[in-house]
Amino acid sequence: LLQLEHDSSFQQHSPFDTMTDFLKVVIEGFAKGAPGHH
């Protein structure tokens, strides 16, 4: 579930500087852990 990068919840209350940083973490975690048919 994505958010607006400029939204205050993302800017002030998250560990990421950009939405791309979040995308990297999610896709890397998916590639490492999800079954191949997911």
ModelCIF file with pLDDT and N, C-alpha, C, O atoms, coordinates in Angstrom:
data_MODEL
#
_entry.id   MODEL 
#
_entity.id                         1 
_entity.type                       polymer 
_entity.pdbx_number_of_molecules   1 
#
_entity_poly.entity_id                      1 
_entity_poly.type                           'polypeptide(L)' 
_entity_poly.nstd_linkage                   no 
_entity_poly.nstd_monomer                   no 
_entity_poly.pdbx_seq_one_letter_code       LLQLEHDSSFQQHSPFDTMTDFLKVVIEGFAKGAPGHH 
_entity_poly.pdbx_seq_one_letter_code_can   LLQLEHDSSFQQHSPFDTMTDFLKVVIEGFAKGAPGHH 
_entity_poly.pdbx_strand_id                 A 
#
loop_
_entity_poly_seq.entity_id 
_entity_poly_seq.num 
_entity_poly_seq.mon_id 
_entity_poly_seq.hetero 
1 1  LEU n 
1 2  LEU n 
1 3  GLN n 
1 4  LEU n 
1 5  GLU n 
1 6  HIS n 
1 7  ASP n 
1 8  SER n 
1 9  SER n 
1 10 PHE n 
1 11 GLN n 
1 12 GLN n 
1 13 HIS n 
1 14 SER n 
1 15 PRO n 
1 16 PHE n 
1 17 ASP n 
1 18 THR n 
1 19 MET n 
1 20 THR n 
1 21 ASP n 
1 22 PHE n 
1 23 LEU n 
1 24 LYS n 
1 25 VAL n 
1 26 VAL n 
1 27 ILE n 
1 28 GLU n 
1 29 GLY n 
1 30 PHE n 
1 31 ALA n 
1 32 LYS n 
1 33 GLY n 
1 34 ALA n 
1 35 PRO n 
1 36 GLY n 
1 37 HIS n 
1 38 HIS n 
#
_struct_asym.id          A 
_struct_asym.entity_id   1 
#
loop_
_ma_qa_metric.id 
_ma_qa_metric.mode 
_ma_qa_metric.name 
_ma_qa_metric.software_group_id 
_ma_qa_metric.type 
1 global pLDDT . pLDDT 
2 local  pLDDT . pLDDT 
#
_ma_qa_metric_global.metric_id      1 
_ma_qa_metric_global.metric_value   92.89 
_ma_qa_metric_global.model_id       1 
_ma_qa_metric_global.ordinal_id     1 
#
loop_
_ma_qa_metric_local.label_asym_id 
_ma_qa_metric_local.label_comp_id 
_ma_qa_metric_local.label_seq_id 
_ma_qa_metric_local.metric_id 
_ma_qa_metric_local.metric_value 
_ma_qa_metric_local.model_id 
_ma_qa_metric_local.ordinal_id 
A LEU 1  2 96.00 1 1  
A LEU 2  2 94.00 1 2  
A GLN 3  2 91.00 1 3  
A LEU 4  2 86.00 1 4  
A GLU 5  2 85.00 1 5  
A HIS 6  2 75.00 1 6  
A ASP 7  2 81.00 1 7  
A SER 8  2 77.00 1 8  
A SER 9  2 83.00 1 9  
A PHE 10 2 88.00 1 10 
A GLN 11 2 84.00 1 11 
A GLN 12 2 87.00 1 12 
A HIS 13 2 88.00 1 13 
A SER 14 2 92.00 1 14 
A PRO 15 2 95.00 1 15 
A PHE 16 2 96.00 1 16 
A ASP 17 2 92.00 1 17 
A THR 18 2 93.00 1 18 
A MET 19 2 93.00 1 19 
A THR 20 2 95.00 1 20 
A ASP 21 2 97.00 1 21 
A PHE 22 2 97.00 1 22 
A LEU 23 2 97.00 1 23 
A LYS 24 2 98.00 1 24 
A VAL 25 2 98.00 1 25 
A VAL 26 2 98.00 1 26 
A ILE 27 2 98.00 1 27 
A GLU 28 2 98.00 1 28 
A GLY 29 2 98.00 1 29 
A PHE 30 2 98.00 1 30 
A ALA 31 2 98.00 1 31 
A LYS 32 2 98.00 1 32 
A GLY 33 2 98.00 1 33 
A ALA 34 2 98.00 1 34 
A PRO 35 2 98.00 1 35 
A GLY 36 2 97.00 1 36 
A HIS 37 2 97.00 1 37 
A HIS 38 2 98.00 1 38 
#
loop_
_atom_site.group_PDB 
_atom_site.id 
_atom_site.type_symbol 
_atom_site.label_atom_id 
_atom_site.label_alt_id 
_atom_site.label_comp_id 
_atom_site.label_asym_id 
_atom_site.label_entity_id 
_atom_site.label_seq_id 
_atom_site.pdbx_PDB_ins_code 
_atom_site.Cartn_x 
_atom_site.Cartn_y 
_atom_site.Cartn_z 
_atom_site.occupancy 
_atom_site.B_iso_or_equiv 
_atom_site.pdbx_formal_charge 
_atom_site.auth_seq_id 
_atom_site.auth_comp_id 
_atom_site.auth_asym_id 
_atom_site.auth_atom_id 
_atom_site.pdbx_PDB_model_num 
ATOM 1   N N  . LEU A 1 1  ? 0.844  -1.191  0.000  1.00 96.00 ? 1  LEU A N  1 
ATOM 2   C CA . LEU A 1 1  ? 0.000  0.000   0.000  1.00 96.00 ? 1  LEU A CA 1 
ATOM 3   C C  . LEU A 1 1  ? 0.882  1.244   0.000  1.00 96.00 ? 1  LEU A C  1 
ATOM 4   O O  . LEU A 1 1  ? 1.588  1.516   0.971  1.00 96.00 ? 1  LEU A O  1 
ATOM 5   N N  . LEU A 1 2  ? 0.834  1.987   -1.085 1.00 94.00 ? 2  LEU A N  1 
ATOM 6   C CA . LEU A 1 2  ? 1.702  3.145   -1.241 1.00 94.00 ? 2  LEU A CA 1 
ATOM 7   C C  . LEU A 1 2  ? 1.055  4.416   -0.697 1.00 94.00 ? 2  LEU A C  1 
ATOM 8   O O  . LEU A 1 2  ? -0.164 4.492   -0.540 1.00 94.00 ? 2  LEU A O  1 
ATOM 9   N N  . GLN A 1 3  ? 1.872  5.384   -0.420 1.00 91.00 ? 3  GLN A N  1 
ATOM 10  C CA . GLN A 1 3  ? 1.444  6.686   0.105  1.00 91.00 ? 3  GLN A CA 1 
ATOM 11  C C  . GLN A 1 3  ? 2.034  7.802   -0.731 1.00 91.00 ? 3  GLN A C  1 
ATOM 12  O O  . GLN A 1 3  ? 2.868  7.570   -1.605 1.00 91.00 ? 3  GLN A O  1 
ATOM 13  N N  . LEU A 1 4  ? 1.589  9.021   -0.450 1.00 86.00 ? 4  LEU A N  1 
ATOM 14  C CA . LEU A 1 4  ? 2.177  10.185  -1.097 1.00 86.00 ? 4  LEU A CA 1 
ATOM 15  C C  . LEU A 1 4  ? 3.509  10.498  -0.428 1.00 86.00 ? 4  LEU A C  1 
ATOM 16  O O  . LEU A 1 4  ? 3.581  10.633  0.793  1.00 86.00 ? 4  LEU A O  1 
ATOM 17  N N  . GLU A 1 5  ? 4.545  10.611  -1.217 1.00 85.00 ? 5  GLU A N  1 
ATOM 18  C CA . GLU A 1 5  ? 5.863  10.870  -0.660 1.00 85.00 ? 5  GLU A CA 1 
ATOM 19  C C  . GLU A 1 5  ? 5.909  12.192  0.104  1.00 85.00 ? 5  GLU A C  1 
ATOM 20  O O  . GLU A 1 5  ? 6.657  12.325  1.072  1.00 85.00 ? 5  GLU A O  1 
ATOM 21  N N  . HIS A 1 6  ? 5.107  13.171  -0.332 1.00 75.00 ? 6  HIS A N  1 
ATOM 22  C CA . HIS A 1 6  ? 5.121  14.479  0.315  1.00 75.00 ? 6  HIS A CA 1 
ATOM 23  C C  . HIS A 1 6  ? 4.155  14.574  1.490  1.00 75.00 ? 6  HIS A C  1 
ATOM 24  O O  . HIS A 1 6  ? 4.076  15.621  2.132  1.00 75.00 ? 6  HIS A O  1 
ATOM 25  N N  . ASP A 1 7  ? 3.422  13.511  1.783  1.00 81.00 ? 7  ASP A N  1 
ATOM 26  C CA . ASP A 1 7  ? 2.485  13.539  2.893  1.00 81.00 ? 7  ASP A CA 1 
ATOM 27  C C  . ASP A 1 7  ? 3.227  13.585  4.227  1.00 81.00 ? 7  ASP A C  1 
ATOM 28  O O  . ASP A 1 7  ? 4.298  12.995  4.370  1.00 81.00 ? 7  ASP A O  1 
ATOM 29  N N  . SER A 1 8  ? 2.652  14.289  5.197  1.00 77.00 ? 8  SER A N  1 
ATOM 30  C CA . SER A 1 8  ? 3.331  14.453  6.478  1.00 77.00 ? 8  SER A CA 1 
ATOM 31  C C  . SER A 1 8  ? 3.544  13.123  7.200  1.00 77.00 ? 8  SER A C  1 
ATOM 32  O O  . SER A 1 8  ? 4.554  12.957  7.884  1.00 77.00 ? 8  SER A O  1 
ATOM 33  N N  . SER A 1 9  ? 2.614  12.171  7.063  1.00 83.00 ? 9  SER A N  1 
ATOM 34  C CA . SER A 1 9  ? 2.781  10.877  7.720  1.00 83.00 ? 9  SER A CA 1 
ATOM 35  C C  . SER A 1 9  ? 4.024  10.161  7.222  1.00 83.00 ? 9  SER A C  1 
ATOM 36  O O  . SER A 1 9  ? 4.725  9.508   7.994  1.00 83.00 ? 9  SER A O  1 
ATOM 37  N N  . PHE A 1 10 ? 4.294  10.287  5.925  1.00 88.00 ? 10 PHE A N  1 
ATOM 38  C CA . PHE A 1 10 ? 5.483  9.671   5.356  1.00 88.00 ? 10 PHE A CA 1 
ATOM 39  C C  . PHE A 1 10 ? 6.732  10.470  5.702  1.00 88.00 ? 10 PHE A C  1 
ATOM 40  O O  . PHE A 1 10 ? 7.754  9.889   6.066  1.00 88.00 ? 10 PHE A O  1 
ATOM 41  N N  . GLN A 1 11 ? 6.663  11.783  5.596  1.00 84.00 ? 11 GLN A N  1 
ATOM 42  C CA . GLN A 1 11 ? 7.828  12.623  5.815  1.00 84.00 ? 11 GLN A CA 1 
ATOM 43  C C  . GLN A 1 11 ? 8.268  12.651  7.275  1.00 84.00 ? 11 GLN A C  1 
ATOM 44  O O  . GLN A 1 11 ? 9.462  12.598  7.569  1.00 84.00 ? 11 GLN A O  1 
ATOM 45  N N  . GLN A 1 12 ? 7.308  12.732  8.185  1.00 87.00 ? 12 GLN A N  1 
ATOM 46  C CA . GLN A 1 12 ? 7.626  12.946  9.590  1.00 87.00 ? 12 GLN A CA 1 
ATOM 47  C C  . GLN A 1 12 ? 7.616  11.687  10.445 1.00 87.00 ? 12 GLN A C  1 
ATOM 48  O O  . GLN A 1 12 ? 8.236  11.660  11.508 1.00 87.00 ? 12 GLN A O  1 
ATOM 49  N N  . HIS A 1 13 ? 6.919  10.638  9.995  1.00 88.00 ? 13 HIS A N  1 
ATOM 50  C CA . HIS A 1 13 ? 6.705  9.488   10.868 1.00 88.00 ? 13 HIS A CA 1 
ATOM 51  C C  . HIS A 1 13 ? 7.105  8.167   10.221 1.00 88.00 ? 13 HIS A C  1 
ATOM 52  O O  . HIS A 1 13 ? 6.503  7.131   10.504 1.00 88.00 ? 13 HIS A O  1 
ATOM 53  N N  . SER A 1 14 ? 8.114  8.195   9.357  1.00 92.00 ? 14 SER A N  1 
ATOM 54  C CA . SER A 1 14 ? 8.583  6.962   8.722  1.00 92.00 ? 14 SER A CA 1 
ATOM 55  C C  . SER A 1 14 ? 10.098 6.950   8.695  1.00 92.00 ? 14 SER A C  1 
ATOM 56  O O  . SER A 1 14 ? 10.722 8.002   8.834  1.00 92.00 ? 14 SER A O  1 
ATOM 57  N N  . PRO A 1 15 ? 10.716 5.766   8.516  1.00 95.00 ? 15 PRO A N  1 
ATOM 58  C CA . PRO A 1 15 ? 12.183 5.674   8.459  1.00 95.00 ? 15 PRO A CA 1 
ATOM 59  C C  . PRO A 1 15 ? 12.749 5.945   7.076  1.00 95.00 ? 15 PRO A C  1 
ATOM 60  O O  . PRO A 1 15 ? 13.964 5.875   6.891  1.00 95.00 ? 15 PRO A O  1 
ATOM 61  N N  . PHE A 1 16 ? 11.894 6.256   6.085  1.00 96.00 ? 16 PHE A N  1 
ATOM 62  C CA . PHE A 1 16 ? 12.344 6.417   4.706  1.00 96.00 ? 16 PHE A CA 1 
ATOM 63  C C  . PHE A 1 16 ? 12.386 7.889   4.305  1.00 96.00 ? 16 PHE A C  1 
ATOM 64  O O  . PHE A 1 16 ? 11.545 8.684   4.724  1.00 96.00 ? 16 PHE A O  1 
ATOM 65  N N  . ASP A 1 17 ? 13.373 8.235   3.494  1.00 92.00 ? 17 ASP A N  1 
ATOM 66  C CA . ASP A 1 17 ? 13.468 9.590   2.951  1.00 92.00 ? 17 ASP A CA 1 
ATOM 67  C C  . ASP A 1 17 ? 12.620 9.749   1.690  1.00 92.00 ? 17 ASP A C  1 
ATOM 68  O O  . ASP A 1 17 ? 12.060 10.818  1.445  1.00 92.00 ? 17 ASP A O  1 
ATOM 69  N N  . THR A 1 18 ? 12.528 8.688   0.894  1.00 93.00 ? 18 THR A N  1 
ATOM 70  C CA . THR A 1 18 ? 11.773 8.734   -0.352 1.00 93.00 ? 18 THR A CA 1 
ATOM 71  C C  . THR A 1 18 ? 10.932 7.473   -0.486 1.00 93.00 ? 18 THR A C  1 
ATOM 72  O O  . THR A 1 18 ? 11.188 6.471   0.181  1.00 93.00 ? 18 THR A O  1 
ATOM 73  N N  . MET A 1 19 ? 9.930  7.530   -1.351 1.00 93.00 ? 19 MET A N  1 
ATOM 74  C CA . MET A 1 19 ? 9.113  6.355   -1.608 1.00 93.00 ? 19 MET A CA 1 
ATOM 75  C C  . MET A 1 19 ? 9.935  5.250   -2.270 1.00 93.00 ? 19 MET A C  1 
ATOM 76  O O  . MET A 1 19 ? 9.681  4.066   -2.048 1.00 93.00 ? 19 MET A O  1 
ATOM 77  N N  . THR A 1 20 ? 10.916 5.637   -3.081 1.00 95.00 ? 20 THR A N  1 
ATOM 78  C CA . THR A 1 20 ? 11.781 4.648   -3.721 1.00 95.00 ? 20 THR A CA 1 
ATOM 79  C C  . THR A 1 20 ? 12.509 3.797   -2.693 1.00 95.00 ? 20 THR A C  1 
ATOM 80  O O  . THR A 1 20 ? 12.709 2.602   -2.913 1.00 95.00 ? 20 THR A O  1 
ATOM 81  N N  . ASP A 1 21 ? 12.909 4.393   -1.574 1.00 97.00 ? 21 ASP A N  1 
ATOM 82  C CA . ASP A 1 21 ? 13.563 3.633   -0.508 1.00 97.00 ? 21 ASP A CA 1 
ATOM 83  C C  . ASP A 1 21 ? 12.643 2.528   0.005  1.00 97.00 ? 21 ASP A C  1 
ATOM 84  O O  . ASP A 1 21 ? 13.085 1.405   0.245  1.00 97.00 ? 21 ASP A O  1 
ATOM 85  N N  . PHE A 1 22 ? 11.369 2.852   0.170  1.00 97.00 ? 22 PHE A N  1 
ATOM 86  C CA . PHE A 1 22 ? 10.398 1.851   0.613  1.00 97.00 ? 22 PHE A CA 1 
ATOM 87  C C  . PHE A 1 22 ? 10.214 0.766   -0.446 1.00 97.00 ? 22 PHE A C  1 
ATOM 88  O O  . PHE A 1 22 ? 10.166 -0.420  -0.118 1.00 97.00 ? 22 PHE A O  1 
ATOM 89  N N  . LEU A 1 23 ? 10.111 1.163   -1.707 1.00 97.00 ? 23 LEU A N  1 
ATOM 90  C CA . LEU A 1 23 ? 9.947  0.196   -2.786 1.00 97.00 ? 23 LEU A CA 1 
ATOM 91  C C  . LEU A 1 23 ? 11.108 -0.805  -2.814 1.00 97.00 ? 23 LEU A C  1 
ATOM 92  O O  . LEU A 1 23 ? 10.891 -1.999  -3.020 1.00 97.00 ? 23 LEU A O  1 
ATOM 93  N N  . LYS A 1 24 ? 12.336 -0.321  -2.609 1.00 98.00 ? 24 LYS A N  1 
ATOM 94  C CA . LYS A 1 24 ? 13.511 -1.197  -2.601 1.00 98.00 ? 24 LYS A CA 1 
ATOM 95  C C  . LYS A 1 24 ? 13.395 -2.253  -1.513 1.00 98.00 ? 24 LYS A C  1 
ATOM 96  O O  . LYS A 1 24 ? 13.636 -3.434  -1.760 1.00 98.00 ? 24 LYS A O  1 
ATOM 97  N N  . VAL A 1 25 ? 13.025 -1.827  -0.307 1.00 98.00 ? 25 VAL A N  1 
ATOM 98  C CA . VAL A 1 25 ? 12.920 -2.752  0.818  1.00 98.00 ? 25 VAL A CA 1 
ATOM 99  C C  . VAL A 1 25 ? 11.866 -3.821  0.544  1.00 98.00 ? 25 VAL A C  1 
ATOM 100 O O  . VAL A 1 25 ? 12.095 -5.002  0.804  1.00 98.00 ? 25 VAL A O  1 
ATOM 101 N N  . VAL A 1 26 ? 10.712 -3.410  0.020  1.00 98.00 ? 26 VAL A N  1 
ATOM 102 C CA . VAL A 1 26 ? 9.614  -4.342  -0.200 1.00 98.00 ? 26 VAL A CA 1 
ATOM 103 C C  . VAL A 1 26 ? 9.950  -5.354  -1.293 1.00 98.00 ? 26 VAL A C  1 
ATOM 104 O O  . VAL A 1 26 ? 9.738  -6.552  -1.111 1.00 98.00 ? 26 VAL A O  1 
ATOM 105 N N  . ILE A 1 27 ? 10.462 -4.892  -2.403 1.00 98.00 ? 27 ILE A N  1 
ATOM 106 C CA . ILE A 1 27 ? 10.762 -5.797  -3.518 1.00 98.00 ? 27 ILE A CA 1 
ATOM 107 C C  . ILE A 1 27 ? 11.901 -6.743  -3.151 1.00 98.00 ? 27 ILE A C  1 
ATOM 108 O O  . ILE A 1 27 ? 11.864 -7.920  -3.508 1.00 98.00 ? 27 ILE A O  1 
ATOM 109 N N  . GLU A 1 28 ? 12.902 -6.246  -2.448 1.00 98.00 ? 28 GLU A N  1 
ATOM 110 C CA . GLU A 1 28 ? 13.986 -7.118  -2.010 1.00 98.00 ? 28 GLU A CA 1 
ATOM 111 C C  . GLU A 1 28 ? 13.473 -8.186  -1.042 1.00 98.00 ? 28 GLU A C  1 
ATOM 112 O O  . GLU A 1 28 ? 13.846 -9.354  -1.157 1.00 98.00 ? 28 GLU A O  1 
ATOM 113 N N  . GLY A 1 29 ? 12.616 -7.792  -0.083 1.00 98.00 ? 29 GLY A N  1 
ATOM 114 C CA . GLY A 1 29 ? 12.046 -8.754  0.855  1.00 98.00 ? 29 GLY A CA 1 
ATOM 115 C C  . GLY A 1 29 ? 11.165 -9.780  0.166  1.00 98.00 ? 29 GLY A C  1 
ATOM 116 O O  . GLY A 1 29 ? 11.180 -10.959 0.520  1.00 98.00 ? 29 GLY A O  1 
ATOM 117 N N  . PHE A 1 30 ? 10.400 -9.332  -0.817 1.00 98.00 ? 30 PHE A N  1 
ATOM 118 C CA . PHE A 1 30 ? 9.556  -10.242 -1.589 1.00 98.00 ? 30 PHE A CA 1 
ATOM 119 C C  . PHE A 1 30 ? 10.407 -11.239 -2.369 1.00 98.00 ? 30 PHE A C  1 
ATOM 120 O O  . PHE A 1 30 ? 10.118 -12.435 -2.370 1.00 98.00 ? 30 PHE A O  1 
ATOM 121 N N  . ALA A 1 31 ? 11.448 -10.754 -3.028 1.00 98.00 ? 31 ALA A N  1 
ATOM 122 C CA . ALA A 1 31 ? 12.309 -11.630 -3.830 1.00 98.00 ? 31 ALA A CA 1 
ATOM 123 C C  . ALA A 1 31 ? 12.995 -12.682 -2.961 1.00 98.00 ? 31 ALA A C  1 
ATOM 124 O O  . ALA A 1 31 ? 13.195 -13.810 -3.410 1.00 98.00 ? 31 ALA A O  1 
ATOM 125 N N  . LYS A 1 32 ? 13.357 -12.335 -1.733 1.00 98.00 ? 32 LYS A N  1 
ATOM 126 C CA . LYS A 1 32 ? 14.052 -13.255 -0.842 1.00 98.00 ? 32 LYS A CA 1 
ATOM 127 C C  . LYS A 1 32 ? 13.121 -14.263 -0.178 1.00 98.00 ? 32 LYS A C  1 
ATOM 128 O O  . LYS A 1 32 ? 13.497 -15.419 0.015  1.00 98.00 ? 32 LYS A O  1 
ATOM 129 N N  . GLY A 1 33 ? 11.903 -13.831 0.176  1.00 98.00 ? 33 GLY A N  1 
ATOM 130 C CA . GLY A 1 33 ? 11.082 -14.676 1.024  1.00 98.00 ? 33 GLY A CA 1 
ATOM 131 C C  . GLY A 1 33 ? 9.851  -15.303 0.400  1.00 98.00 ? 33 GLY A C  1 
ATOM 132 O O  . GLY A 1 33 ? 9.460  -16.397 0.808  1.00 98.00 ? 33 GLY A O  1 
ATOM 133 N N  . ALA A 1 34 ? 9.227  -14.662 -0.565 1.00 98.00 ? 34 ALA A N  1 
ATOM 134 C CA . ALA A 1 34 ? 7.955  -15.156 -1.094 1.00 98.00 ? 34 ALA A CA 1 
ATOM 135 C C  . ALA A 1 34 ? 8.144  -16.411 -1.941 1.00 98.00 ? 34 ALA A C  1 
ATOM 136 O O  . ALA A 1 34 ? 9.112  -16.497 -2.697 1.00 98.00 ? 34 ALA A O  1 
ATOM 137 N N  . PRO A 1 35 ? 7.239  -17.385 -1.830 1.00 98.00 ? 35 PRO A N  1 
ATOM 138 C CA . PRO A 1 35 ? 7.278  -18.546 -2.734 1.00 98.00 ? 35 PRO A CA 1 
ATOM 139 C C  . PRO A 1 35 ? 7.247  -18.118 -4.196 1.00 98.00 ? 35 PRO A C  1 
ATOM 140 O O  . PRO A 1 35 ? 6.704  -17.064 -4.528 1.00 98.00 ? 35 PRO A O  1 
ATOM 141 N N  . GLY A 1 36 ? 7.830  -18.936 -5.065 1.00 97.00 ? 36 GLY A N  1 
ATOM 142 C CA . GLY A 1 36 ? 8.001  -18.563 -6.458 1.00 97.00 ? 36 GLY A CA 1 
ATOM 143 C C  . GLY A 1 36 ? 6.719  -18.354 -7.234 1.00 97.00 ? 36 GLY A C  1 
ATOM 144 O O  . GLY A 1 36 ? 6.731  -17.705 -8.280 1.00 97.00 ? 36 GLY A O  1 
ATOM 145 N N  . HIS A 1 37 ? 5.609  -18.894 -6.742 1.00 97.00 ? 37 HIS A N  1 
ATOM 146 C CA . HIS A 1 37 ? 4.344  -18.718 -7.451 1.00 97.00 ? 37 HIS A CA 1 
ATOM 147 C C  . HIS A 1 37 ? 3.528  -17.536 -6.908 1.00 97.00 ? 37 HIS A C  1 
ATOM 148 O O  . HIS A 1 37 ? 2.441  -17.262 -7.417 1.00 97.00 ? 37 HIS A O  1 
ATOM 149 N N  . HIS A 1 38 ? 4.024  -16.843 -5.900 1.00 98.00 ? 38 HIS A N  1 
ATOM 150 C CA . HIS A 1 38 ? 3.332  -15.693 -5.340 1.00 98.00 ? 38 HIS A CA 1 
ATOM 151 C C  . HIS A 1 38 ? 3.666  -14.416 -6.115 1.00 98.00 ? 38 HIS A C  1 
ATOM 152 O O  . HIS A 1 38 ? 3.167  -13.342 -5.780 1.00 98.00 ? 38 HIS A O  1 
#
